[in-house]
């Protein structure tokens, strides 16, 4: 792999800071996409990993509430857990969502 000069390296960094995409920088500088990507990773390496995807339907507090209700014996299964949490939160939750919470916390199949 041919090393990049400090001039090329600094021009890639300045283009990244201006908001150009990797492909745009590739076409402007003549460097390969993978080299530009590596330089971008060096510059953005200290960024925290952003969680992607849709937000969770249940907050950690909601999950703890369901688990508490089941462990204390007030609720017996995921359907009752969904009914309980739907009385508390504004958006309805399907029993399958509650079942997934219970699986995350390794409850046995008899509770689900």
N, C-alpha and C. Protein backbone atom coordinates (compact mmCIF):
# COMPACT_ATOMS: atom_id res chain seq x y z
N UNK A 1 0.85 -1.17 0.00
CA UNK A 1 0.00 0.00 0.00
C UNK A 1 0.90 1.24 0.00
N UNK A 2 0.60 2.14 -0.88
CA UNK A 2 1.38 3.37 -1.02
C UNK A 2 1.00 4.34 0.11
N UNK A 3 2.01 4.86 0.85
CA UNK A 3 1.68 5.79 1.94
C UNK A 3 1.16 7.12 1.39
N UNK A 4 0.27 7.72 2.15
CA UNK A 4 -0.27 9.02 1.75
C UNK A 4 0.64 10.12 2.30
N UNK A 5 0.78 11.18 1.54
CA UNK A 5 1.60 12.30 2.00
C UNK A 5 0.86 13.08 3.06
N UNK A 6 1.61 13.87 3.81
CA UNK A 6 0.97 14.67 4.87
C UNK A 6 0.03 15.71 4.27
N UNK A 7 0.33 16.16 3.05
CA UNK A 7 -0.54 17.12 2.38
C UNK A 7 -1.89 16.47 2.04
N UNK A 8 -1.83 15.26 1.48
CA UNK A 8 -3.07 14.54 1.15
C UNK A 8 -3.86 14.25 2.42
N UNK A 9 -3.14 13.82 3.45
CA UNK A 9 -3.79 13.48 4.71
C UNK A 9 -4.52 14.69 5.28
N UNK A 10 -3.86 15.84 5.29
CA UNK A 10 -4.49 17.04 5.84
C UNK A 10 -5.63 17.54 4.96
N UNK A 11 -5.51 17.36 3.64
CA UNK A 11 -6.62 17.78 2.77
C UNK A 11 -7.84 16.90 2.99
N UNK A 12 -7.63 15.60 3.21
CA UNK A 12 -8.75 14.70 3.49
C UNK A 12 -9.42 15.11 4.79
N UNK A 13 -8.63 15.42 5.81
CA UNK A 13 -9.19 15.83 7.11
C UNK A 13 -10.00 17.11 6.97
N UNK A 14 -9.47 18.07 6.20
CA UNK A 14 -10.21 19.33 6.05
C UNK A 14 -11.51 19.11 5.27
N UNK A 15 -11.48 18.24 4.26
CA UNK A 15 -12.71 17.95 3.51
C UNK A 15 -13.72 17.22 4.39
N UNK A 16 -13.24 16.33 5.26
CA UNK A 16 -14.14 15.65 6.19
C UNK A 16 -14.80 16.65 7.13
N UNK A 17 -14.02 17.60 7.60
CA UNK A 17 -14.56 18.60 8.52
C UNK A 17 -15.56 19.52 7.83
N UNK A 18 -15.41 19.68 6.52
CA UNK A 18 -16.36 20.50 5.76
C UNK A 18 -17.65 19.74 5.46
N UNK A 19 -17.65 18.44 5.72
CA UNK A 19 -18.87 17.65 5.56
C UNK A 19 -18.96 16.84 4.29
N UNK A 20 -17.88 16.73 3.54
CA UNK A 20 -17.90 15.92 2.32
C UNK A 20 -17.96 14.44 2.67
N UNK A 21 -18.59 13.65 1.79
CA UNK A 21 -18.67 12.21 2.00
C UNK A 21 -17.36 11.57 1.56
N UNK A 22 -17.19 10.30 1.93
CA UNK A 22 -15.97 9.57 1.57
C UNK A 22 -15.82 9.51 0.05
N UNK A 23 -16.90 9.24 -0.65
CA UNK A 23 -16.83 9.15 -2.11
C UNK A 23 -16.52 10.50 -2.76
N UNK A 24 -17.08 11.56 -2.21
CA UNK A 24 -16.78 12.89 -2.75
C UNK A 24 -15.30 13.22 -2.54
N UNK A 25 -14.78 12.87 -1.37
CA UNK A 25 -13.37 13.12 -1.09
C UNK A 25 -12.49 12.26 -2.00
N UNK A 26 -12.93 11.04 -2.24
CA UNK A 26 -12.19 10.14 -3.13
C UNK A 26 -12.05 10.76 -4.51
N UNK A 27 -13.14 11.30 -5.03
CA UNK A 27 -13.09 11.87 -6.38
C UNK A 27 -12.29 13.18 -6.40
N UNK A 28 -12.31 13.95 -5.31
CA UNK A 28 -11.57 15.22 -5.27
C UNK A 28 -10.06 15.00 -5.12
N UNK A 29 -9.67 14.00 -4.31
CA UNK A 29 -8.26 13.82 -4.01
C UNK A 29 -7.58 12.76 -4.87
N UNK A 30 -8.35 11.86 -5.43
CA UNK A 30 -7.77 10.76 -6.19
C UNK A 30 -7.30 9.60 -5.33
N UNK A 31 -7.51 9.69 -4.03
CA UNK A 31 -7.16 8.60 -3.13
C UNK A 31 -8.24 7.53 -3.17
N UNK A 32 -7.90 6.34 -2.77
CA UNK A 32 -8.87 5.25 -2.72
C UNK A 32 -9.88 5.45 -1.60
N UNK A 33 -11.03 4.84 -1.80
CA UNK A 33 -12.11 4.95 -0.82
C UNK A 33 -11.69 4.37 0.53
N UNK A 34 -10.93 3.28 0.50
CA UNK A 34 -10.53 2.66 1.77
C UNK A 34 -9.53 3.53 2.52
N UNK A 35 -8.65 4.22 1.79
CA UNK A 35 -7.70 5.12 2.45
C UNK A 35 -8.43 6.29 3.09
N UNK A 36 -9.37 6.86 2.34
CA UNK A 36 -10.16 7.97 2.88
C UNK A 36 -10.94 7.48 4.10
N UNK A 37 -11.48 6.28 4.02
CA UNK A 37 -12.22 5.71 5.15
C UNK A 37 -11.34 5.51 6.37
N UNK A 38 -10.11 5.07 6.17
CA UNK A 38 -9.19 4.90 7.29
C UNK A 38 -8.85 6.23 7.96
N UNK A 39 -8.64 7.24 7.13
CA UNK A 39 -8.35 8.57 7.68
C UNK A 39 -9.57 9.08 8.45
N UNK A 40 -10.75 8.84 7.91
CA UNK A 40 -11.98 9.26 8.60
C UNK A 40 -12.10 8.55 9.94
N UNK A 41 -11.75 7.27 9.97
CA UNK A 41 -11.82 6.51 11.20
C UNK A 41 -10.82 7.05 12.23
N UNK A 42 -9.64 7.49 11.76
CA UNK A 42 -8.66 8.10 12.66
C UNK A 42 -9.23 9.38 13.27
N UNK A 43 -9.87 10.19 12.44
CA UNK A 43 -10.42 11.47 12.90
C UNK A 43 -11.61 11.24 13.82
N UNK A 44 -12.51 10.33 13.44
CA UNK A 44 -13.74 10.08 14.20
C UNK A 44 -13.59 8.96 15.21
N UNK A 45 -12.39 8.45 15.39
CA UNK A 45 -12.17 7.30 16.26
C UNK A 45 -12.57 7.53 17.69
N UNK A 46 -12.51 8.77 18.16
CA UNK A 46 -12.84 9.04 19.55
C UNK A 46 -14.33 9.24 19.77
N UNK A 47 -15.11 9.19 18.71
CA UNK A 47 -16.57 9.31 18.86
C UNK A 47 -17.12 8.08 19.56
N UNK A 48 -18.14 8.29 20.36
CA UNK A 48 -18.80 7.16 20.99
C UNK A 48 -19.62 6.44 19.94
N UNK A 49 -19.75 5.14 20.12
CA UNK A 49 -20.59 4.37 19.20
C UNK A 49 -22.04 4.75 19.45
N UNK A 50 -22.69 5.21 18.40
CA UNK A 50 -24.08 5.59 18.51
C UNK A 50 -24.94 4.35 18.37
N UNK A 51 -25.92 4.24 19.21
CA UNK A 51 -26.85 3.13 19.12
C UNK A 51 -27.80 3.43 17.96
N UNK A 52 -27.90 2.49 17.06
CA UNK A 52 -28.76 2.69 15.90
C UNK A 52 -30.01 1.83 16.02
N UNK A 53 -30.95 2.10 15.15
CA UNK A 53 -32.20 1.35 15.15
C UNK A 53 -33.31 2.13 15.82
N UNK A 54 -34.44 1.51 15.93
CA UNK A 54 -35.56 2.21 16.52
C UNK A 54 -35.42 2.20 18.04
N UNK A 55 -36.00 3.17 18.70
CA UNK A 55 -35.91 3.21 20.16
C UNK A 55 -36.68 2.05 20.80
N UNK A 56 -36.29 1.70 21.98
CA UNK A 56 -36.94 0.61 22.70
C UNK A 56 -38.37 1.00 23.05
N UNK A 57 -39.26 0.01 23.02
CA UNK A 57 -40.66 0.28 23.37
C UNK A 57 -40.84 0.46 24.87
N UNK A 58 -40.02 -0.24 25.64
CA UNK A 58 -40.12 -0.15 27.09
C UNK A 58 -38.84 0.44 27.66
N UNK A 59 -39.00 1.35 28.59
CA UNK A 59 -37.84 1.94 29.25
C UNK A 59 -37.29 0.92 30.26
N UNK A 60 -36.07 1.12 30.73
CA UNK A 60 -35.54 0.23 31.77
C UNK A 60 -36.43 0.21 33.02
N UNK A 61 -37.04 1.34 33.35
CA UNK A 61 -37.93 1.39 34.52
C UNK A 61 -39.18 0.53 34.29
N UNK A 62 -39.73 0.59 33.06
CA UNK A 62 -40.90 -0.23 32.74
C UNK A 62 -40.54 -1.71 32.84
N UNK A 63 -39.37 -2.07 32.33
CA UNK A 63 -38.94 -3.47 32.38
C UNK A 63 -38.79 -3.93 33.82
N UNK A 64 -38.17 -3.08 34.66
CA UNK A 64 -38.01 -3.45 36.07
C UNK A 64 -39.36 -3.59 36.76
N UNK A 65 -40.31 -2.72 36.39
CA UNK A 65 -41.64 -2.80 36.98
C UNK A 65 -42.34 -4.11 36.66
N UNK A 66 -42.24 -4.54 35.41
CA UNK A 66 -42.85 -5.82 35.00
C UNK A 66 -42.19 -6.97 35.75
N UNK A 67 -40.88 -6.96 35.79
CA UNK A 67 -40.16 -8.05 36.45
C UNK A 67 -40.50 -8.08 37.94
N UNK A 68 -40.59 -6.91 38.55
CA UNK A 68 -40.95 -6.85 39.97
C UNK A 68 -42.34 -7.42 40.20
N UNK A 69 -43.28 -7.07 39.35
CA UNK A 69 -44.65 -7.57 39.50
C UNK A 69 -44.70 -9.09 39.38
N UNK A 70 -43.90 -9.65 38.49
CA UNK A 70 -43.91 -11.10 38.31
C UNK A 70 -43.18 -11.80 39.45
N UNK A 71 -42.04 -11.26 39.86
CA UNK A 71 -41.30 -11.93 40.95
C UNK A 71 -42.02 -11.86 42.28
N UNK A 72 -42.84 -10.83 42.49
CA UNK A 72 -43.60 -10.75 43.74
C UNK A 72 -44.90 -11.55 43.68
N UNK A 73 -45.21 -12.11 42.52
CA UNK A 73 -46.39 -12.95 42.40
C UNK A 73 -47.66 -12.20 42.06
N UNK A 74 -47.58 -10.92 41.80
CA UNK A 74 -48.79 -10.15 41.45
C UNK A 74 -49.25 -10.43 40.04
N UNK A 75 -48.30 -10.81 39.16
CA UNK A 75 -48.63 -11.18 37.78
C UNK A 75 -48.08 -12.57 37.52
N UNK A 76 -48.77 -13.28 36.60
CA UNK A 76 -48.37 -14.67 36.33
C UNK A 76 -47.70 -14.87 34.98
N UNK A 77 -48.01 -14.02 34.00
CA UNK A 77 -47.48 -14.28 32.65
C UNK A 77 -47.31 -12.99 31.85
N UNK A 78 -46.85 -13.14 30.61
CA UNK A 78 -46.57 -11.98 29.76
C UNK A 78 -47.83 -11.22 29.39
N UNK A 79 -48.94 -11.91 29.22
CA UNK A 79 -50.19 -11.23 28.87
C UNK A 79 -50.61 -10.31 30.01
N UNK A 80 -50.52 -10.79 31.22
CA UNK A 80 -50.85 -9.95 32.37
C UNK A 80 -49.84 -8.81 32.51
N UNK A 81 -48.58 -9.09 32.18
CA UNK A 81 -47.55 -8.05 32.20
C UNK A 81 -47.84 -6.95 31.20
N UNK A 82 -48.32 -7.34 30.02
CA UNK A 82 -48.66 -6.34 28.99
C UNK A 82 -49.86 -5.50 29.43
N UNK A 83 -50.85 -6.15 30.03
CA UNK A 83 -52.01 -5.40 30.52
C UNK A 83 -51.60 -4.43 31.62
N UNK A 84 -50.71 -4.88 32.50
CA UNK A 84 -50.23 -4.02 33.59
C UNK A 84 -49.50 -2.80 33.04
N UNK A 85 -48.57 -3.01 32.13
CA UNK A 85 -47.76 -1.91 31.63
C UNK A 85 -48.57 -0.99 30.71
N UNK A 86 -49.55 -1.53 30.00
CA UNK A 86 -50.38 -0.70 29.13
C UNK A 86 -51.25 0.28 29.94
N UNK A 87 -51.51 -0.04 31.20
CA UNK A 87 -52.24 0.90 32.06
C UNK A 87 -51.34 2.04 32.52
N UNK A 88 -50.02 1.86 32.40
CA UNK A 88 -49.07 2.85 32.89
C UNK A 88 -48.55 3.75 31.78
N UNK A 89 -48.22 3.16 30.63
CA UNK A 89 -47.58 3.93 29.56
C UNK A 89 -48.60 4.34 28.51
N UNK A 90 -48.22 5.33 27.68
CA UNK A 90 -49.16 5.90 26.73
C UNK A 90 -49.28 5.11 25.43
N UNK A 91 -48.27 4.35 25.07
CA UNK A 91 -48.31 3.58 23.82
C UNK A 91 -48.49 2.10 24.15
N UNK A 92 -49.42 1.43 23.49
CA UNK A 92 -49.70 0.03 23.83
C UNK A 92 -48.53 -0.89 23.47
N UNK A 93 -48.35 -1.90 24.29
CA UNK A 93 -47.29 -2.88 24.11
C UNK A 93 -47.93 -4.25 23.95
N UNK A 94 -47.42 -5.02 23.02
CA UNK A 94 -47.92 -6.37 22.76
C UNK A 94 -47.33 -7.33 23.80
N UNK A 95 -48.06 -8.37 24.15
CA UNK A 95 -47.51 -9.35 25.10
C UNK A 95 -46.17 -9.96 24.66
N UNK A 96 -45.92 -10.04 23.34
CA UNK A 96 -44.65 -10.57 22.86
C UNK A 96 -43.48 -9.69 23.31
N UNK A 97 -43.70 -8.38 23.39
CA UNK A 97 -42.67 -7.46 23.87
C UNK A 97 -42.34 -7.77 25.32
N UNK A 98 -43.36 -8.00 26.12
CA UNK A 98 -43.15 -8.35 27.53
C UNK A 98 -42.47 -9.71 27.63
N UNK A 99 -42.85 -10.62 26.78
CA UNK A 99 -42.22 -11.94 26.77
C UNK A 99 -40.73 -11.81 26.47
N UNK A 100 -40.37 -10.94 25.54
CA UNK A 100 -38.96 -10.73 25.23
C UNK A 100 -38.20 -10.15 26.42
N UNK A 101 -38.85 -9.27 27.18
CA UNK A 101 -38.23 -8.72 28.39
C UNK A 101 -37.97 -9.84 29.39
N UNK A 102 -38.93 -10.72 29.53
CA UNK A 102 -38.77 -11.83 30.47
C UNK A 102 -37.66 -12.78 30.02
N UNK A 103 -37.55 -12.99 28.72
CA UNK A 103 -36.47 -13.84 28.20
C UNK A 103 -35.11 -13.19 28.44
N UNK A 104 -35.04 -11.87 28.30
CA UNK A 104 -33.78 -11.15 28.56
C UNK A 104 -33.31 -11.39 29.98
N UNK A 105 -34.26 -11.50 30.89
CA UNK A 105 -33.93 -11.67 32.30
C UNK A 105 -34.02 -13.12 32.74
N UNK A 106 -33.93 -14.00 31.79
CA UNK A 106 -33.82 -15.45 31.98
C UNK A 106 -34.87 -16.05 32.92
N UNK A 107 -36.11 -15.64 32.74
CA UNK A 107 -37.19 -16.31 33.45
C UNK A 107 -37.47 -17.62 32.74
N UNK A 108 -37.96 -18.57 33.47
CA UNK A 108 -38.24 -19.88 32.87
C UNK A 108 -39.48 -19.79 32.00
N UNK A 109 -39.65 -20.77 31.13
CA UNK A 109 -40.76 -20.81 30.19
C UNK A 109 -42.11 -20.90 30.91
N UNK A 110 -42.14 -21.38 32.12
CA UNK A 110 -43.43 -21.51 32.82
C UNK A 110 -44.05 -20.14 33.14
N UNK A 111 -43.21 -19.11 33.26
CA UNK A 111 -43.73 -17.77 33.53
C UNK A 111 -44.20 -17.10 32.26
N UNK A 112 -43.70 -17.55 31.13
CA UNK A 112 -44.01 -16.91 29.85
C UNK A 112 -45.19 -17.61 29.25
